[in-house]
């Protein structure tokens, strides 16, 4: 154990700061990935819905009024038989 610590402290003098730095890089990397992925999804949904409306017209627009876009949140006045044909 002593030999391992001597090796580690021979490479970096502030081990706790180094580990914290590595953690921060990982957190920031994950945060950037999460933001970029969310932005991509929101943009892709808009483009996809534009294409679907151009193909199916008002039928899809009525469906879209009844069903939540991304999160399963019930809308007011929604019937139990919601579907898109």
PDB file of N, CA and C in Angstrom:
ATOM      1  N   UNK A   1       0.829  -1.192   0.000  1.00  0.00           N
ATOM      2  CA  UNK A   1       0.000   0.000   0.000  1.00  0.00           C
ATOM      3  C   UNK A   1       0.870   1.250   0.000  1.00  0.00           C
ATOM      4  N   UNK A   2       1.901   1.217   0.792  1.00  0.00           N
ATOM      5  CA  UNK A   2       2.781   2.373   0.895  1.00  0.00           C
ATOM      6  C   UNK A   2       3.485   2.634  -0.439  1.00  0.00           C
ATOM      7  N   UNK A   3       3.835   1.559  -1.115  1.00  0.00           N
ATOM      8  CA  UNK A   3       4.505   1.673  -2.407  1.00  0.00           C
ATOM      9  C   UNK A   3       3.565   2.296  -3.450  1.00  0.00           C
ATOM     10  N   UNK A   4       2.292   1.879  -3.398  1.00  0.00           N
ATOM     11  CA  UNK A   4       1.303   2.417  -4.335  1.00  0.00           C
ATOM     12  C   UNK A   4       1.102   3.917  -4.104  1.00  0.00           C
ATOM     13  N   UNK A   5       0.996   4.314  -2.838  1.00  0.00           N
ATOM     14  CA  UNK A   5       0.847   5.733  -2.535  1.00  0.00           C
ATOM     15  C   UNK A   5       2.076   6.519  -2.944  1.00  0.00           C
ATOM     16  N   UNK A   6       3.250   5.936  -2.754  1.00  0.00           N
ATOM     17  CA  UNK A   6       4.480   6.612  -3.163  1.00  0.00           C
ATOM     18  C   UNK A   6       4.491   6.809  -4.674  1.00  0.00           C
ATOM     19  N   UNK A   7       4.013   5.814  -5.405  1.00  0.00           N
ATOM     20  CA  UNK A   7       3.951   5.949  -6.863  1.00  0.00           C
ATOM     21  C   UNK A   7       2.969   7.045  -7.265  1.00  0.00           C
ATOM     22  N   UNK A   8       1.759   7.009  -6.677  1.00  0.00           N
ATOM     23  CA  UNK A   8       0.727   7.996  -7.033  1.00  0.00           C
ATOM     24  C   UNK A   8       1.200   9.400  -6.702  1.00  0.00           C
ATOM     25  N   UNK A   9       1.728   9.589  -5.517  1.00  0.00           N
ATOM     26  CA  UNK A   9       2.195  10.916  -5.136  1.00  0.00           C
ATOM     27  C   UNK A   9       3.483  11.303  -5.852  1.00  0.00           C
ATOM     28  N   UNK A  10       4.120  10.352  -6.485  1.00  0.00           N
ATOM     29  CA  UNK A  10       5.259  10.667  -7.335  1.00  0.00           C
ATOM     30  C   UNK A  10       4.827  11.207  -8.686  1.00  0.00           C
ATOM     31  N   UNK A  11       3.578  10.952  -9.049  1.00  0.00           N
ATOM     32  CA  UNK A  11       3.045  11.421 -10.324  1.00  0.00           C
ATOM     33  C   UNK A  11       2.279  12.722 -10.149  1.00  0.00           C
ATOM     34  N   UNK A  12       1.491  12.828  -9.087  1.00  0.00           N
ATOM     35  CA  UNK A  12       0.682  14.023  -8.846  1.00  0.00           C
ATOM     36  C   UNK A  12       0.729  14.344  -7.356  1.00  0.00           C
ATOM     37  N   UNK A  13       0.954  15.602  -7.045  1.00  0.00           N
ATOM     38  CA  UNK A  13       1.108  15.944  -5.631  1.00  0.00           C
ATOM     39  C   UNK A  13      -0.220  16.208  -4.932  1.00  0.00           C
ATOM     40  N   UNK A  14      -1.234  16.635  -5.662  1.00  0.00           N
ATOM     41  CA  UNK A  14      -2.537  16.909  -5.067  1.00  0.00           C
ATOM     42  C   UNK A  14      -3.553  15.907  -5.603  1.00  0.00           C
ATOM     43  N   UNK A  15      -3.528  14.724  -5.045  1.00  0.00           N
ATOM     44  CA  UNK A  15      -4.353  13.626  -5.541  1.00  0.00           C
ATOM     45  C   UNK A  15      -5.838  13.950  -5.461  1.00  0.00           C
ATOM     46  N   UNK A  16      -6.288  14.489  -4.356  1.00  0.00           N
ATOM     47  CA  UNK A  16      -7.716  14.777  -4.204  1.00  0.00           C
ATOM     48  C   UNK A  16      -8.177  15.810  -5.219  1.00  0.00           C
ATOM     49  N   UNK A  17      -7.360  16.810  -5.510  1.00  0.00           N
ATOM     50  CA  UNK A  17      -7.726  17.809  -6.519  1.00  0.00           C
ATOM     51  C   UNK A  17      -7.728  17.188  -7.916  1.00  0.00           C
ATOM     52  N   UNK A  18      -6.793  16.293  -8.170  1.00  0.00           N
ATOM     53  CA  UNK A  18      -6.731  15.628  -9.465  1.00  0.00           C
ATOM     54  C   UNK A  18      -7.980  14.773  -9.690  1.00  0.00           C
ATOM     55  N   UNK A  19      -8.380  14.020  -8.668  1.00  0.00           N
ATOM     56  CA  UNK A  19      -9.574  13.184  -8.778  1.00  0.00           C
ATOM     57  C   UNK A  19     -10.816  14.062  -8.949  1.00  0.00           C
ATOM     58  N   UNK A  20     -10.897  15.151  -8.215  1.00  0.00           N
ATOM     59  CA  UNK A  20     -12.013  16.084  -8.362  1.00  0.00           C
ATOM     60  C   UNK A  20     -12.052  16.671  -9.763  1.00  0.00           C
ATOM     61  N   UNK A  21     -10.894  16.990 -10.308  1.00  0.00           N
ATOM     62  CA  UNK A  21     -10.788  17.508 -11.666  1.00  0.00           C
ATOM     63  C   UNK A  21     -11.289  16.480 -12.678  1.00  0.00           C
ATOM     64  N   UNK A  22     -10.892  15.226 -12.518  1.00  0.00           N
ATOM     65  CA  UNK A  22     -11.368  14.170 -13.411  1.00  0.00           C
ATOM     66  C   UNK A  22     -12.883  14.003 -13.314  1.00  0.00           C
ATOM     67  N   UNK A  23     -13.399  14.083 -12.106  1.00  0.00           N
ATOM     68  CA  UNK A  23     -14.849  13.995 -11.911  1.00  0.00           C
ATOM     69  C   UNK A  23     -15.548  15.156 -12.608  1.00  0.00           C
ATOM     70  N   UNK A  24     -15.009  16.353 -12.459  1.00  0.00           N
ATOM     71  CA  UNK A  24     -15.615  17.531 -13.088  1.00  0.00           C
ATOM     72  C   UNK A  24     -15.606  17.415 -14.607  1.00  0.00           C
ATOM     73  N   UNK A  25     -14.541  16.919 -15.171  1.00  0.00           N
ATOM     74  CA  UNK A  25     -14.478  16.737 -16.618  1.00  0.00           C
ATOM     75  C   UNK A  25     -15.556  15.745 -17.060  1.00  0.00           C
ATOM     76  N   UNK A  26     -15.699  14.670 -16.335  1.00  0.00           N
ATOM     77  CA  UNK A  26     -16.734  13.692 -16.660  1.00  0.00           C
ATOM     78  C   UNK A  26     -18.122  14.274 -16.544  1.00  0.00           C
ATOM     79  N   UNK A  27     -18.354  15.066 -15.508  1.00  0.00           N
ATOM     80  CA  UNK A  27     -19.664  15.686 -15.313  1.00  0.00           C
ATOM     81  C   UNK A  27     -19.956  16.668 -16.426  1.00  0.00           C
ATOM     82  N   UNK A  28     -18.993  17.491 -16.759  1.00  0.00           N
ATOM     83  CA  UNK A  28     -19.187  18.481 -17.823  1.00  0.00           C
ATOM     84  C   UNK A  28     -19.402  17.776 -19.156  1.00  0.00           C
ATOM     85  N   UNK A  29     -18.647  16.710 -19.388  1.00  0.00           N
ATOM     86  CA  UNK A  29     -18.828  15.947 -20.622  1.00  0.00           C
ATOM     87  C   UNK A  29     -20.221  15.363 -20.719  1.00  0.00           C
ATOM     88  N   UNK A  30     -20.714  14.812 -19.621  1.00  0.00           N
ATOM     89  CA  UNK A  30     -22.071  14.265 -19.608  1.00  0.00           C
ATOM     90  C   UNK A  30     -23.111  15.360 -19.772  1.00  0.00           C
ATOM     91  N   UNK A  31     -22.869  16.499 -19.157  1.00  0.00           N
ATOM     92  CA  UNK A  31     -23.798  17.615 -19.261  1.00  0.00           C
ATOM     93  C   UNK A  31     -23.872  18.123 -20.695  1.00  0.00           C
ATOM     94  N   UNK A  32     -22.725  18.271 -21.350  1.00  0.00           N
ATOM     95  CA  UNK A  32     -22.697  18.715 -22.742  1.00  0.00           C
ATOM     96  C   UNK A  32     -23.421  17.709 -23.624  1.00  0.00           C
ATOM     97  N   UNK A  33     -23.184  16.428 -23.413  1.00  0.00           N
ATOM     98  CA  UNK A  33     -23.858  15.389 -24.186  1.00  0.00           C
ATOM     99  C   UNK A  33     -25.367  15.446 -23.980  1.00  0.00           C
ATOM    100  N   UNK A  34     -25.804  15.619 -22.745  1.00  0.00           N
ATOM    101  CA  UNK A  34     -27.230  15.679 -22.448  1.00  0.00           C
ATOM    102  C   UNK A  34     -27.889  16.882 -23.112  1.00  0.00           C
ATOM    103  N   UNK A  35     -27.228  18.035 -23.072  1.00  0.00           N
ATOM    104  CA  UNK A  35     -27.779  19.241 -23.699  1.00  0.00           C
ATOM    105  C   UNK A  35     -27.834  19.074 -25.213  1.00  0.00           C
ATOM    106  N   UNK A  36     -26.766  18.559 -25.802  1.00  0.00           N
ATOM    107  CA  UNK A  36     -26.733  18.374 -27.250  1.00  0.00           C
ATOM    108  C   UNK A  36     -27.786  17.366 -27.702  1.00  0.00           C
ATOM    109  N   UNK A  37     -27.945  16.281 -26.979  1.00  0.00           N
ATOM    110  CA  UNK A  37     -28.937  15.266 -27.341  1.00  0.00           C
ATOM    111  C   UNK A  37     -30.352  15.815 -27.219  1.00  0.00           C
ATOM    112  N   UNK A  38     -30.619  16.561 -26.165  1.00  0.00           N
ATOM    113  CA  UNK A  38     -31.939  17.163 -25.987  1.00  0.00           C
ATOM    114  C   UNK A  38     -32.243  18.144 -27.112  1.00  0.00           C
ATOM    115  N   UNK A  39     -31.274  18.965 -27.467  1.00  0.00           N
ATOM    116  CA  UNK A  39     -31.467  19.916 -28.571  1.00  0.00           C
ATOM    117  C   UNK A  39     -31.742  19.173 -29.873  1.00  0.00           C
ATOM    118  N   UNK A  40     -30.998  18.116 -30.138  1.00  0.00           N
ATOM    119  CA  UNK A  40     -31.208  17.326 -31.352  1.00  0.00           C
ATOM    120  C   UNK A  40     -32.622  16.747 -31.382  1.00  0.00           C
ATOM    121  N   UNK A  41     -33.065  16.183 -30.269  1.00  0.00           N
ATOM    122  CA  UNK A  41     -34.398  15.579 -30.212  1.00  0.00           C
ATOM    123  C   UNK A  41     -35.472  16.625 -30.472  1.00  0.00           C
ATOM    124  N   UNK A  42     -35.364  17.782 -29.836  1.00  0.00           N
ATOM    125  CA  UNK A  42     -36.379  18.816 -30.010  1.00  0.00           C
ATOM    126  C   UNK A  42     -36.413  19.344 -31.443  1.00  0.00           C
ATOM    127  N   UNK A  43     -35.271  19.490 -32.069  1.00  0.00           N
ATOM    128  CA  UNK A  43     -35.221  19.937 -33.466  1.00  0.00           C
ATOM    129  C   UNK A  43     -35.762  18.848 -34.392  1.00  0.00           C
ATOM    130  N   UNK A  44     -35.365  17.593 -34.152  1.00  0.00           N
ATOM    131  CA  UNK A  44     -35.809  16.484 -34.997  1.00  0.00           C
ATOM    132  C   UNK A  44     -37.322  16.295 -34.914  1.00  0.00           C
ATOM    133  N   UNK A  45     -37.914  16.483 -33.744  1.00  0.00           N
ATOM    134  CA  UNK A  45     -39.363  16.355 -33.600  1.00  0.00           C
ATOM    135  C   UNK A  45     -40.067  17.397 -34.460  1.00  0.00           C
ATOM    136  N   UNK A  46     -39.576  18.627 -34.443  1.00  0.00           N
ATOM    137  CA  UNK A  46     -40.199  19.677 -35.253  1.00  0.00           C
ATOM    138  C   UNK A  46     -40.136  19.343 -36.737  1.00  0.00           C
ATOM    139  N   UNK A  47     -38.993  18.876 -37.198  1.00  0.00           N
ATOM    140  CA  UNK A  47     -38.845  18.523 -38.611  1.00  0.00           C
ATOM    141  C   UNK A  47     -39.723  17.331 -38.984  1.00  0.00           C
ATOM    142  N   UNK A  48     -39.775  16.346 -38.111  1.00  0.00           N
ATOM    143  CA  UNK A  48     -40.590  15.158 -38.354  1.00  0.00           C
ATOM    144  C   UNK A  48     -42.071  15.511 -38.407  1.00  0.00           C
ATOM    145  N   UNK A  49     -42.521  16.340 -37.475  1.00  0.00           N
ATOM    146  CA  UNK A  49     -43.930  16.718 -37.462  1.00  0.00           C
ATOM    147  C   UNK A  49     -44.291  17.539 -38.692  1.00  0.00           C
ATOM    148  N   UNK A  50     -43.393  18.372 -39.159  1.00  0.00           N
ATOM    149  CA  UNK A  50     -43.648  19.131 -40.383  1.00  0.00           C
ATOM    150  C   UNK A  50     -43.867  18.180 -41.555  1.00  0.00           C
ATOM    151  N   UNK A  51     -43.048  17.145 -41.645  1.00  0.00           N
ATOM    152  CA  UNK A  51     -43.195  16.167 -42.727  1.00  0.00           C
ATOM    153  C   UNK A  51     -44.503  15.383 -42.599  1.00  0.00           C
ATOM    154  N   UNK A  52     -44.847  14.993 -41.370  1.00  0.00           N
ATOM    155  CA  UNK A  52     -46.071  14.219 -41.170  1.00  0.00           C
ATOM    156  C   UNK A  52     -47.304  15.043 -41.517  1.00  0.00           C
ATOM    157  N   UNK A  53     -47.303  16.328 -41.132  1.00  0.00           N
ATOM    158  CA  UNK A  53     -48.434  17.204 -41.464  1.00  0.00           C
ATOM    159  C   UNK A  53     -48.540  17.375 -42.977  1.00  0.00           C
ATOM    160  N   UNK A  54     -47.412  17.475 -43.659  1.00  0.00           N
ATOM    161  CA  UNK A  54     -47.472  17.625 -45.114  1.00  0.00           C
ATOM    162  C   UNK A  54     -48.020  16.368 -45.789  1.00  0.00           C
ATOM    163  N   UNK A  55     -47.854  15.208 -45.168  1.00  0.00           N
ATOM    164  CA  UNK A  55     -48.357  13.954 -45.737  1.00  0.00           C
ATOM    165  C   UNK A  55     -49.813  13.715 -45.346  1.00  0.00           C
ATOM    166  N   UNK A  56     -50.148  13.892 -44.047  1.00  0.00           N
ATOM    167  CA  UNK A  56     -51.466  13.504 -43.540  1.00  0.00           C
ATOM    168  C   UNK A  56     -52.404  14.672 -43.300  1.00  0.00           C
ATOM    169  N   UNK A  57     -51.910  15.891 -43.313  1.00  0.00           N
ATOM    170  CA  UNK A  57     -52.762  17.078 -43.214  1.00  0.00           C
ATOM    171  C   UNK A  57     -53.491  17.231 -41.902  1.00  0.00           C
ATOM    172  N   UNK A  58     -54.787  17.580 -42.010  1.00  0.00           N
ATOM    173  CA  UNK A  58     -55.571  17.917 -40.819  1.00  0.00           C
ATOM    174  C   UNK A  58     -55.798  16.736 -39.892  1.00  0.00           C
ATOM    175  N   UNK A  59     -55.787  15.513 -40.421  1.00  0.00           N
ATOM    176  CA  UNK A  59     -55.984  14.345 -39.554  1.00  0.00           C
ATOM    177  C   UNK A  59     -54.882  14.274 -38.504  1.00  0.00           C
ATOM    178  N   UNK A  60     -53.650  14.534 -38.922  1.00  0.00           N
ATOM    179  CA  UNK A  60     -52.556  14.503 -37.955  1.00  0.00           C
ATOM    180  C   UNK A  60     -52.611  15.720 -37.032  1.00  0.00           C
ATOM    181  N   UNK A  61     -53.021  16.857 -37.543  1.00  0.00           N
ATOM    182  CA  UNK A  61     -53.128  18.047 -36.696  1.00  0.00           C
ATOM    183  C   UNK A  61     -54.148  17.831 -35.583  1.00  0.00           C
ATOM    184  N   UNK A  62     -55.256  17.163 -35.882  1.00  0.00           N
ATOM    185  CA  UNK A  62     -56.245  16.835 -34.847  1.00  0.00           C
ATOM    186  C   UNK A  62     -55.668  15.857 -33.830  1.00  0.00           C
ATOM    187  N   UNK A  63     -54.965  14.872 -34.308  1.00  0.00           N
ATOM    188  CA  UNK A  63     -54.308  13.907 -33.416  1.00  0.00           C
ATOM    189  C   UNK A  63     -53.314  14.613 -32.503  1.00  0.00           C
ATOM    190  N   UNK A  64     -52.542  15.530 -33.074  1.00  0.00           N
ATOM    191  CA  UNK A  64     -51.533  16.256 -32.304  1.00  0.00           C
ATOM    192  C   UNK A  64     -52.168  17.101 -31.207  1.00  0.00           C
ATOM    193  N   UNK A  65     -53.380  17.584 -31.421  1.00  0.00           N
ATOM    194  CA  UNK A  65     -54.079  18.363 -30.390  1.00  0.00           C
ATOM    195  C   UNK A  65     -54.495  17.490 -29.209  1.00  0.00           C
ATOM    196  N   UNK A  66     -54.668  16.200 -29.456  1.00  0.00           N
ATOM    197  CA  UNK A  66     -55.156  15.295 -28.415  1.00  0.00           C
ATOM    198  C   UNK A  66     -54.044  14.593 -27.641  1.00  0.00           C
ATOM    199  N   UNK A  67     -52.857  14.494 -28.234  1.00  0.00           N
ATOM    200  CA  UNK A  67     -51.781  13.690 -27.644  1.00  0.00           C
ATOM    201  C   UNK A  67     -50.562  14.567 -27.371  1.00  0.00           C
ATOM    202  N   UNK A  68     -49.967  14.356 -26.213  1.00  0.00           N
ATOM    203  CA  UNK A  68     -48.760  15.083 -25.838  1.00  0.00           C
ATOM    204  C   UNK A  68     -47.599  14.717 -26.768  1.00  0.00           C
ATOM    205  N   UNK A  69     -46.751  15.684 -27.063  1.00  0.00           N
ATOM    206  CA  UNK A  69     -45.669  15.465 -28.014  1.00  0.00           C
ATOM    207  C   UNK A  69     -44.590  14.535 -27.480  1.00  0.00           C
ATOM    208  N   UNK A  70     -44.109  14.783 -26.277  1.00  0.00           N
ATOM    209  CA  UNK A  70     -42.943  14.066 -25.802  1.00  0.00           C
ATOM    210  C   UNK A  70     -43.170  13.361 -24.471  1.00  0.00           C
ATOM    211  N   UNK A  71     -43.800  14.032 -23.547  1.00  0.00           N
ATOM    212  CA  UNK A  71     -44.047  13.458 -22.225  1.00  0.00           C
ATOM    213  C   UNK A  71     -45.490  12.977 -22.139  1.00  0.00           C
ATOM    214  N   UNK A  72     -45.736  11.839 -21.516  1.00  0.00           N
ATOM    215  CA  UNK A  72     -47.100  11.309 -21.436  1.00  0.00           C
ATOM    216  C   UNK A  72     -47.968  12.064 -20.430  1.00  0.00           C
ATOM    217  N   UNK A  73     -48.284  13.300 -20.755  1.00  0.00           N
ATOM    218  CA  UNK A  73     -49.106  14.147 -19.894  1.00  0.00           C
ATOM    219  C   UNK A  73     -50.503  14.224 -20.513  1.00  0.00           C
ATOM    220  N   UNK A  74     -51.535  13.817 -19.785  1.00  0.00           N
ATOM    221  CA  UNK A  74     -52.894  13.869 -20.339  1.00  0.00           C
ATOM    222  C   UNK A  74     -53.326  15.305 -20.629  1.00  0.00           C
ATOM    223  N   UNK A  75     -54.027  15.478 -21.743  1.00  0.00           N
ATOM    224  CA  UNK A  75     -54.565  16.787 -22.086  1.00  0.00           C
ATOM    225  C   UNK A  75     -56.038  16.824 -21.705  1.00  0.00           C
ATOM    226  N   UNK A  76     -56.547  18.020 -21.389  1.00  0.00           N
ATOM    227  CA  UNK A  76     -57.945  18.170 -20.994  1.00  0.00           C
ATOM    228  C   UNK A  76     -58.851  17.902 -22.195  1.00  0.00           C
ATOM    229  N   UNK A  77     -59.978  17.290 -21.915  1.00  0.00           N
ATOM    230  CA  UNK A  77     -60.948  17.035 -22.959  1.00  0.00           C
ATOM    231  C   UNK A  77     -60.545  15.907 -23.897  1.00  0.00           C
ATOM    232  N   UNK A  78     -59.610  15.119 -23.494  1.00  0.00           N
ATOM    233  CA  UNK A  78     -59.125  14.025 -24.334  1.00  0.00           C
ATOM    234  C   UNK A  78     -60.021  12.808 -24.163  1.00  0.00           C
ATOM    235  N   UNK A  79     -60.400  12.213 -25.259  1.00  0.00           N
ATOM    236  CA  UNK A  79     -61.221  11.003 -25.176  1.00  0.00           C
ATOM    237  C   UNK A  79     -60.314   9.800 -24.913  1.00  0.00           C
ATOM    238  N   UNK A  80     -60.937   8.720 -24.467  1.00  0.00           N
ATOM    239  CA  UNK A  80     -60.142   7.509 -24.184  1.00  0.00           C
ATOM    240  C   UNK A  80     -59.723   6.803 -25.461  1.00  0.00           C
ATOM    241  N   UNK A  81     -60.428   7.058 -26.562  1.00  0.00           N
ATOM    242  CA  UNK A  81     -60.117   6.424 -27.839  1.00  0.00           C
ATOM    243  C   UNK A  81     -59.382   7.423 -28.743  1.00  0.00           C
ATOM    244  N   UNK A  82     -58.137   7.635 -28.447  1.00  0.00           N
ATOM    245  CA  UNK A  82     -57.324   8.543 -29.249  1.00  0.00           C
ATOM    246  C   UNK A  82     -56.490   7.719 -30.179  1.00  0.00           C
ATOM    247  N   UNK A  83     -56.479   8.103 -31.428  1.00  0.00           N
ATOM    248  CA  UNK A  83     -55.653   7.377 -32.383  1.00  0.00           C
ATOM    249  C   UNK A  83     -55.471   8.179 -33.656  1.00  0.00           C
ATOM    250  N   UNK A  84     -54.527   7.791 -34.420  1.00  0.00           N
ATOM    251  CA  UNK A  84     -54.244   8.459 -35.675  1.00  0.00           C
ATOM    252  C   UNK A  84     -54.388   7.445 -36.787  1.00  0.00           C
ATOM    253  N   UNK A  85     -55.183   7.771 -37.769  1.00  0.00           N
ATOM    254  CA  UNK A  85     -55.379   6.854 -38.905  1.00  0.00           C
ATOM    255  C   UNK A  85     -55.024   7.513 -40.186  1.00  0.00           C
TER     256      UNK A  85
END
